[in-house]
Amino acid sequence: MLSKALSAAVFGIDAYVAEVEVDVGSGRMGDFNVVGLPDIAVKESRERIKSGLKNCGFDFPNPRSVTINLAPADIRKEGPGFDLPMALGILGCQGTFFGKPLNGQLFLGELSLDGSVRPVRGTLSAALCAREQAIRRTNATARYVSKISGPLLDRIDIHIDVPAVKYKELRGEAATEDSAAVRERVVRARRRQLERFASEKRI
């Protein structure tokens, strides 16, 4: 049986949507194969997923085989953040979601042996990538923001979304301003303000 879930591959400061395809039962019995340019941390996910599922009350599909493809195959997949989508894909193959697809959501997280989810690097880049791809649900960012108390939010006067700078732009050879040039611009602005309100006693 085949099940799919969406995750993200982080490369530098950029993230790319990755499709986690899980197939149970089509290979040799007992095999657990991950393909799609996974690094060592991804390949080691088998034991974390196995223990995590069992400690959460789910069955690991022993002795059947598990084959996982991380697409696209030409982008390197690094870190343990694929634990969660791979585990959900395995559960999907076993009918846990009753055929309901996991698309429209992006999953990212490392599984501990007790089944809890640990944070991983690149979650902000993954969330921005999900928004660009119109994926409606992501790494509980909204819930985290909702924990900030109202009185504290009231003290923040301006909220600005700052887009991520692409890795190629950071590594490019385009001319940049040095601190002295920025300081001079700030000094000129302050001087204009002082001249503008010179006649005002309370400013």
C-alpha atoms as a PDB file:
ATOM      1  CA  MET A   1       0.000   0.000   0.000  1.00  0.00           C
ATOM      2  CA  LEU A   2       1.214   3.509  -0.838  1.00  0.00           C
ATOM      3  CA  SER A   3       0.850   6.653   1.261  1.00  0.00           C
ATOM      4  CA  LYS A   4       2.240  10.162   0.781  1.00  0.00           C
ATOM      5  CA  ALA A   5       3.018  13.154   2.998  1.00  0.00           C
ATOM      6  CA  LEU A   6       4.672  16.513   2.389  1.00  0.00           C
ATOM      7  CA  SER A   7       7.814  17.733   4.120  1.00  0.00           C
ATOM      8  CA  ALA A   8      10.632  20.163   3.345  1.00  0.00           C
ATOM      9  CA  ALA A   9      14.288  19.800   2.420  1.00  0.00           C
ATOM     10  CA  VAL A  10      16.398  22.670   3.771  1.00  0.00           C
ATOM     11  CA  PHE A  11      19.429  23.710   1.709  1.00  0.00           C
ATOM     12  CA  GLY A  12      21.351  26.610   3.216  1.00  0.00           C
ATOM     13  CA  ILE A  13      18.658  29.108   4.142  1.00  0.00           C
ATOM     14  CA  ASP A  14      16.275  27.984   1.408  1.00  0.00           C
ATOM     15  CA  ALA A  15      13.714  25.210   1.721  1.00  0.00           C
ATOM     16  CA  TYR A  16      12.073  23.072  -0.924  1.00  0.00           C
ATOM     17  CA  VAL A  17       8.890  21.041  -0.654  1.00  0.00           C
ATOM     18  CA  ALA A  18       9.687  17.331  -0.583  1.00  0.00           C
ATOM     19  CA  GLU A  19       7.172  14.547  -1.115  1.00  0.00           C
ATOM     20  CA  VAL A  20       7.586  11.566   1.187  1.00  0.00           C
ATOM     21  CA  GLU A  21       6.281   8.454  -0.571  1.00  0.00           C
ATOM     22  CA  VAL A  22       5.934   5.377   1.648  1.00  0.00           C
ATOM     23  CA  ASP A  23       5.250   1.903   0.311  1.00  0.00           C
ATOM     24  CA  VAL A  24       4.736  -1.041   2.664  1.00  0.00           C
ATOM     25  CA  GLY A  25       4.930  -4.646   1.586  1.00  0.00           C
ATOM     26  CA  SER A  26       6.391  -4.514  -1.935  1.00  0.00           C
ATOM     27  CA  GLY A  27      10.019  -5.423  -1.123  1.00  0.00           C
ATOM     28  CA  ARG A  28      11.860  -8.116   0.777  1.00  0.00           C
ATOM     29  CA  MET A  29      10.475  -8.924   4.192  1.00  0.00           C
ATOM     30  CA  GLY A  30      12.074  -6.869   6.950  1.00  0.00           C
ATOM     31  CA  ASP A  31      13.730  -4.339   4.632  1.00  0.00           C
ATOM     32  CA  PHE A  32      13.623  -0.610   5.454  1.00  0.00           C
ATOM     33  CA  ASN A  33      14.958   1.371   2.513  1.00  0.00           C
ATOM     34  CA  VAL A  34      15.093   5.162   2.148  1.00  0.00           C
ATOM     35  CA  VAL A  35      15.987   6.554  -1.282  1.00  0.00           C
ATOM     36  CA  GLY A  36      16.165  10.079  -2.704  1.00  0.00           C
ATOM     37  CA  LEU A  37      19.627  11.314  -1.598  1.00  0.00           C
ATOM     38  CA  PRO A  38      19.175  10.884   2.181  1.00  0.00           C
ATOM     39  CA  ASP A  39      22.070  11.626   4.529  1.00  0.00           C
ATOM     40  CA  ILE A  40      23.105   9.481   7.498  1.00  0.00           C
ATOM     41  CA  ALA A  41      20.611  11.109   9.901  1.00  0.00           C
ATOM     42  CA  VAL A  42      17.741  10.290   7.533  1.00  0.00           C
ATOM     43  CA  LYS A  43      18.920   6.711   7.076  1.00  0.00           C
ATOM     44  CA  GLU A  44      19.079   6.257  10.854  1.00  0.00           C
ATOM     45  CA  SER A  45      15.417   7.171  11.216  1.00  0.00           C
ATOM     46  CA  ARG A  46      14.267   3.532  11.202  1.00  0.00           C
ATOM     47  CA  GLU A  47      14.871   2.878  14.895  1.00  0.00           C
ATOM     48  CA  ARG A  48      13.481   6.258  15.984  1.00  0.00           C
ATOM     49  CA  ILE A  49      10.326   5.701  13.969  1.00  0.00           C
ATOM     50  CA  LYS A  50       9.947   2.097  15.099  1.00  0.00           C
ATOM     51  CA  SER A  51      10.240   2.917  18.803  1.00  0.00           C
ATOM     52  CA  GLY A  52       8.239   6.123  18.510  1.00  0.00           C
ATOM     53  CA  LEU A  53       5.272   4.398  16.853  1.00  0.00           C
ATOM     54  CA  LYS A  54       5.255   1.511  19.305  1.00  0.00           C
ATOM     55  CA  ASN A  55       5.435   3.807  22.336  1.00  0.00           C
ATOM     56  CA  CYS A  56       2.483   5.772  20.960  1.00  0.00           C
ATOM     57  CA  GLY A  57       0.400   2.621  20.680  1.00  0.00           C
ATOM     58  CA  PHE A  58       0.791   2.007  16.929  1.00  0.00           C
ATOM     59  CA  ASP A  59       2.152  -1.033  15.144  1.00  0.00           C
ATOM     60  CA  PHE A  60       5.322  -1.024  13.059  1.00  0.00           C
ATOM     61  CA  PRO A  61       4.761  -3.102   9.908  1.00  0.00           C
ATOM     62  CA  ASN A  62       7.072  -5.988  10.812  1.00  0.00           C
ATOM     63  CA  PRO A  63       8.003  -8.234   9.115  1.00  0.00           C
ATOM     64  CA  ARG A  64       6.815  -6.493   5.961  1.00  0.00           C
ATOM     65  CA  SER A  65       9.176  -4.289   3.981  1.00  0.00           C
ATOM     66  CA  VAL A  66       9.106  -0.489   4.030  1.00  0.00           C
ATOM     67  CA  THR A  67      10.339   1.537   1.047  1.00  0.00           C
ATOM     68  CA  ILE A  68      10.459   5.334   1.318  1.00  0.00           C
ATOM     69  CA  ASN A  69      11.212   7.724  -1.528  1.00  0.00           C
ATOM     70  CA  LEU A  70      12.063  11.372  -0.798  1.00  0.00           C
ATOM     71  CA  ALA A  71      11.225  13.312  -3.932  1.00  0.00           C
ATOM     72  CA  PRO A  72      12.609  15.112  -5.827  1.00  0.00           C
ATOM     73  CA  ALA A  73      15.549  12.729  -5.905  1.00  0.00           C
ATOM     74  CA  ASP A  74      18.087  15.319  -7.100  1.00  0.00           C
ATOM     75  CA  ILE A  75      17.987  17.425  -3.902  1.00  0.00           C
ATOM     76  CA  ARG A  76      19.990  16.312  -0.876  1.00  0.00           C
ATOM     77  CA  LYS A  77      17.846  15.425   2.153  1.00  0.00           C
ATOM     78  CA  GLU A  78      19.560  16.210   5.461  1.00  0.00           C
ATOM     79  CA  GLY A  79      18.720  15.946   9.152  1.00  0.00           C
ATOM     80  CA  PRO A  80      16.123  14.092  11.214  1.00  0.00           C
ATOM     81  CA  GLY A  81      13.224  16.351  10.220  1.00  0.00           C
ATOM     82  CA  PHE A  82      11.847  13.663   7.916  1.00  0.00           C
ATOM     83  CA  ASP A  83      11.095  11.351  10.871  1.00  0.00           C
ATOM     84  CA  LEU A  84       7.576  12.708  11.356  1.00  0.00           C
ATOM     85  CA  PRO A  85       6.360  12.588   7.723  1.00  0.00           C
ATOM     86  CA  MET A  86       7.872   9.115   7.257  1.00  0.00           C
ATOM     87  CA  ALA A  87       6.121   7.857  10.394  1.00  0.00           C
ATOM     88  CA  LEU A  88       2.810   9.351   9.241  1.00  0.00           C
ATOM     89  CA  GLY A  89       3.297   7.743   5.830  1.00  0.00           C
ATOM     90  CA  ILE A  90       3.796   4.344   7.462  1.00  0.00           C
ATOM     91  CA  LEU A  91       0.635   4.829   9.505  1.00  0.00           C
ATOM     92  CA  GLY A  92      -1.207   5.865   6.349  1.00  0.00           C
ATOM     93  CA  CYS A  93      -0.169   2.629   4.658  1.00  0.00           C
ATOM     94  CA  GLN A  94      -1.669   0.701   7.558  1.00  0.00           C
ATOM     95  CA  GLY A  95      -5.023   2.443   7.232  1.00  0.00           C
ATOM     96  CA  THR A  96      -4.700   4.702  10.267  1.00  0.00           C
ATOM     97  CA  PHE A  97      -6.117   7.677   8.349  1.00  0.00           C
ATOM     98  CA  PHE A  98      -8.756   5.569   6.557  1.00  0.00           C
ATOM     99  CA  GLY A  99      -7.511   6.611   3.139  1.00  0.00           C
ATOM    100  CA  LYS A 100      -7.581  10.325   3.929  1.00  0.00           C
ATOM    101  CA  PRO A 101      -4.647  11.988   2.130  1.00  0.00           C
ATOM    102  CA  LEU A 102      -2.127  14.068   4.059  1.00  0.00           C
ATOM    103  CA  ASN A 103      -1.711  16.651   1.309  1.00  0.00           C
ATOM    104  CA  GLY A 104      -2.332  20.297   2.050  1.00  0.00           C
ATOM    105  CA  GLN A 105      -0.174  20.018   5.168  1.00  0.00           C
ATOM    106  CA  LEU A 106       3.579  20.078   5.665  1.00  0.00           C
ATOM    107  CA  PHE A 107       5.180  17.912   8.350  1.00  0.00           C
ATOM    108  CA  LEU A 108       8.637  18.407   9.833  1.00  0.00           C
ATOM    109  CA  GLY A 109      10.048  17.044  13.075  1.00  0.00           C
ATOM    110  CA  GLU A 110      12.418  14.602  14.742  1.00  0.00           C
ATOM    111  CA  LEU A 111      10.861  11.714  16.639  1.00  0.00           C
ATOM    112  CA  SER A 112      12.142  10.760  20.059  1.00  0.00           C
ATOM    113  CA  LEU A 113      11.917   7.148  21.192  1.00  0.00           C
ATOM    114  CA  ASP A 114       8.789   7.885  23.232  1.00  0.00           C
ATOM    115  CA  GLY A 115       7.042   9.298  20.176  1.00  0.00           C
ATOM    116  CA  SER A 116       7.262  12.980  21.078  1.00  0.00           C
ATOM    117  CA  VAL A 117       8.367  15.440  18.407  1.00  0.00           C
ATOM    118  CA  ARG A 118      11.591  17.373  18.784  1.00  0.00           C
ATOM    119  CA  PRO A 119      12.296  20.678  17.012  1.00  0.00           C
ATOM    120  CA  VAL A 120      14.616  20.706  14.008  1.00  0.00           C
ATOM    121  CA  ARG A 121      16.556  23.405  12.215  1.00  0.00           C
ATOM    122  CA  GLY A 122      15.083  25.131   9.197  1.00  0.00           C
ATOM    123  CA  THR A 123      11.484  25.276  10.398  1.00  0.00           C
ATOM    124  CA  LEU A 124      11.136  28.976   9.559  1.00  0.00           C
ATOM    125  CA  SER A 125      12.472  28.430   6.041  1.00  0.00           C
ATOM    126  CA  ALA A 126      10.098  25.478   5.668  1.00  0.00           C
ATOM    127  CA  ALA A 127       7.137  27.577   6.827  1.00  0.00           C
ATOM    128  CA  LEU A 128       7.967  30.331   4.330  1.00  0.00           C
ATOM    129  CA  CYS A 129       8.322  27.735   1.578  1.00  0.00           C
ATOM    130  CA  ALA A 130       4.939  26.252   2.498  1.00  0.00           C
ATOM    131  CA  ARG A 131       3.317  29.656   2.292  1.00  0.00           C
ATOM    132  CA  GLU A 132       4.830  30.280  -1.138  1.00  0.00           C
ATOM    133  CA  GLN A 133       3.483  26.919  -2.312  1.00  0.00           C
ATOM    134  CA  ALA A 134       0.010  27.665  -0.900  1.00  0.00           C
ATOM    135  CA  ILE A 135       0.234  24.827   1.620  1.00  0.00           C
ATOM    136  CA  ARG A 136      -2.353  25.867   4.148  1.00  0.00           C
ATOM    137  CA  ARG A 137      -1.039  24.175   7.316  1.00  0.00           C
ATOM    138  CA  THR A 138       2.504  23.974   8.749  1.00  0.00           C
ATOM    139  CA  ASN A 139       5.372  23.494  12.432  1.00  0.00           C
ATOM    140  CA  ALA A 140       2.715  24.957  14.720  1.00  0.00           C
ATOM    141  CA  THR A 141       3.823  28.547  14.042  1.00  0.00           C
ATOM    142  CA  ALA A 142       0.354  29.999  14.578  1.00  0.00           C
ATOM    143  CA  ARG A 143      -0.108  28.133  17.861  1.00  0.00           C
ATOM    144  CA  TYR A 144       3.258  29.381  19.055  1.00  0.00           C
ATOM    145  CA  VAL A 145       2.352  32.983  18.285  1.00  0.00           C
ATOM    146  CA  SER A 146      -1.009  32.528  20.016  1.00  0.00           C
ATOM    147  CA  LYS A 147       0.812  31.759  23.269  1.00  0.00           C
ATOM    148  CA  ILE A 148       2.157  35.328  23.405  1.00  0.00           C
ATOM    149  CA  SER A 149      -0.036  37.240  25.803  1.00  0.00           C
ATOM    150  CA  GLY A 150      -2.246  40.066  24.586  1.00  0.00           C
ATOM    151  CA  PRO A 151      -0.631  42.754  26.783  1.00  0.00           C
ATOM    152  CA  LEU A 152       2.784  41.825  25.385  1.00  0.00           C
ATOM    153  CA  LEU A 153       1.544  41.986  21.791  1.00  0.00           C
ATOM    154  CA  ASP A 154      -0.019  45.385  22.523  1.00  0.00           C
ATOM    155  CA  ARG A 155       3.462  46.733  23.248  1.00  0.00           C
ATOM    156  CA  ILE A 156       4.652  45.820  19.754  1.00  0.00           C
ATOM    157  CA  ASP A 157       3.629  48.778  17.600  1.00  0.00           C
ATOM    158  CA  ILE A 158       4.827  47.599  14.197  1.00  0.00           C
ATOM    159  CA  HIS A 159       4.768  44.074  12.747  1.00  0.00           C
ATOM    160  CA  ILE A 160       6.751  43.603   9.543  1.00  0.00           C
ATOM    161  CA  ASP A 161       7.128  40.424   7.505  1.00  0.00           C
ATOM    162  CA  VAL A 162      10.730  40.239   6.319  1.00  0.00           C
ATOM    163  CA  PRO A 163      11.210  37.938   3.316  1.00  0.00           C
ATOM    164  CA  ALA A 164      14.053  35.442   3.476  1.00  0.00           C
ATOM    165  CA  VAL A 165      17.160  36.361   1.518  1.00  0.00           C
ATOM    166  CA  LYS A 166      17.990  33.702  -1.039  1.00  0.00           C
ATOM    167  CA  TYR A 167      21.266  31.874  -0.629  1.00  0.00           C
ATOM    168  CA  LYS A 168      22.445  32.903  -4.116  1.00  0.00           C
ATOM    169  CA  GLU A 169      21.942  36.568  -3.257  1.00  0.00           C
ATOM    170  CA  LEU A 170      23.953  36.226  -0.051  1.00  0.00           C
ATOM    171  CA  ARG A 171      26.771  34.548  -1.952  1.00  0.00           C
ATOM    172  CA  GLY A 172      26.617  36.953  -4.883  1.00  0.00           C
ATOM    173  CA  GLU A 173      29.083  39.708  -5.650  1.00  0.00           C
ATOM    174  CA  ALA A 174      26.590  42.574  -5.729  1.00  0.00           C
ATOM    175  CA  ALA A 175      27.778  45.831  -4.163  1.00  0.00           C
ATOM    176  CA  THR A 176      26.567  46.431  -0.596  1.00  0.00           C
ATOM    177  CA  GLU A 177      26.485  49.471   1.661  1.00  0.00           C
ATOM    178  CA  ASP A 178      28.984  49.652   4.483  1.00  0.00           C
ATOM    179  CA  SER A 179      28.089  50.814   7.976  1.00  0.00           C
ATOM    180  CA  ALA A 180      29.607  54.273   7.417  1.00  0.00           C
ATOM    181  CA  ALA A 181      27.239  54.962   4.514  1.00  0.00           C
ATOM    182  CA  VAL A 182      24.222  53.865   6.523  1.00  0.00           C
ATOM    183  CA  ARG A 183      25.347  55.995   9.472  1.00  0.00           C
ATOM    184  CA  GLU A 184      25.658  59.056   7.276  1.00  0.00           C
ATOM    185  CA  ARG A 185      22.115  58.587   5.984  1.00  0.00           C
ATOM    186  CA  VAL A 186      20.767  58.264   9.532  1.00  0.00           C
ATOM    187  CA  VAL A 187      22.664  61.386  10.644  1.00  0.00           C
ATOM    188  CA  ARG A 188      21.183  63.383   7.753  1.00  0.00           C
ATOM    189  CA  ALA A 189      17.674  62.238   8.643  1.00  0.00           C
ATOM    190  CA  ARG A 190      18.138  63.213  12.295  1.00  0.00           C
ATOM    191  CA  ARG A 191      19.483  66.610  11.263  1.00  0.00           C
ATOM    192  CA  ARG A 192      16.422  67.256   9.075  1.00  0.00           C
ATOM    193  CA  GLN A 193      14.135  66.327  11.956  1.00  0.00           C
ATOM    194  CA  LEU A 194      15.927  68.710  14.314  1.00  0.00           C
ATOM    195  CA  GLU A 195      15.601  71.530  11.782  1.00  0.00           C
ATOM    196  CA  ARG A 196      11.944  70.730  11.122  1.00  0.00           C
ATOM    197  CA  PHE A 197      10.981  70.906  14.806  1.00  0.00           C
ATOM    198  CA  ALA A 198      13.431  73.581  15.923  1.00  0.00           C
ATOM    199  CA  SER A 199      10.592  75.951  16.798  1.00  0.00           C
ATOM    200  CA  GLU A 200       8.720  73.351  18.860  1.00  0.00           C
ATOM    201  CA  LYS A 201       9.584  73.477  22.571  1.00  0.00           C
ATOM    202  CA  ARG A 202       8.057  70.131  23.535  1.00  0.00           C
ATOM    203  CA  ILE A 203       9.828  68.020  20.879  1.00  0.00           C
END
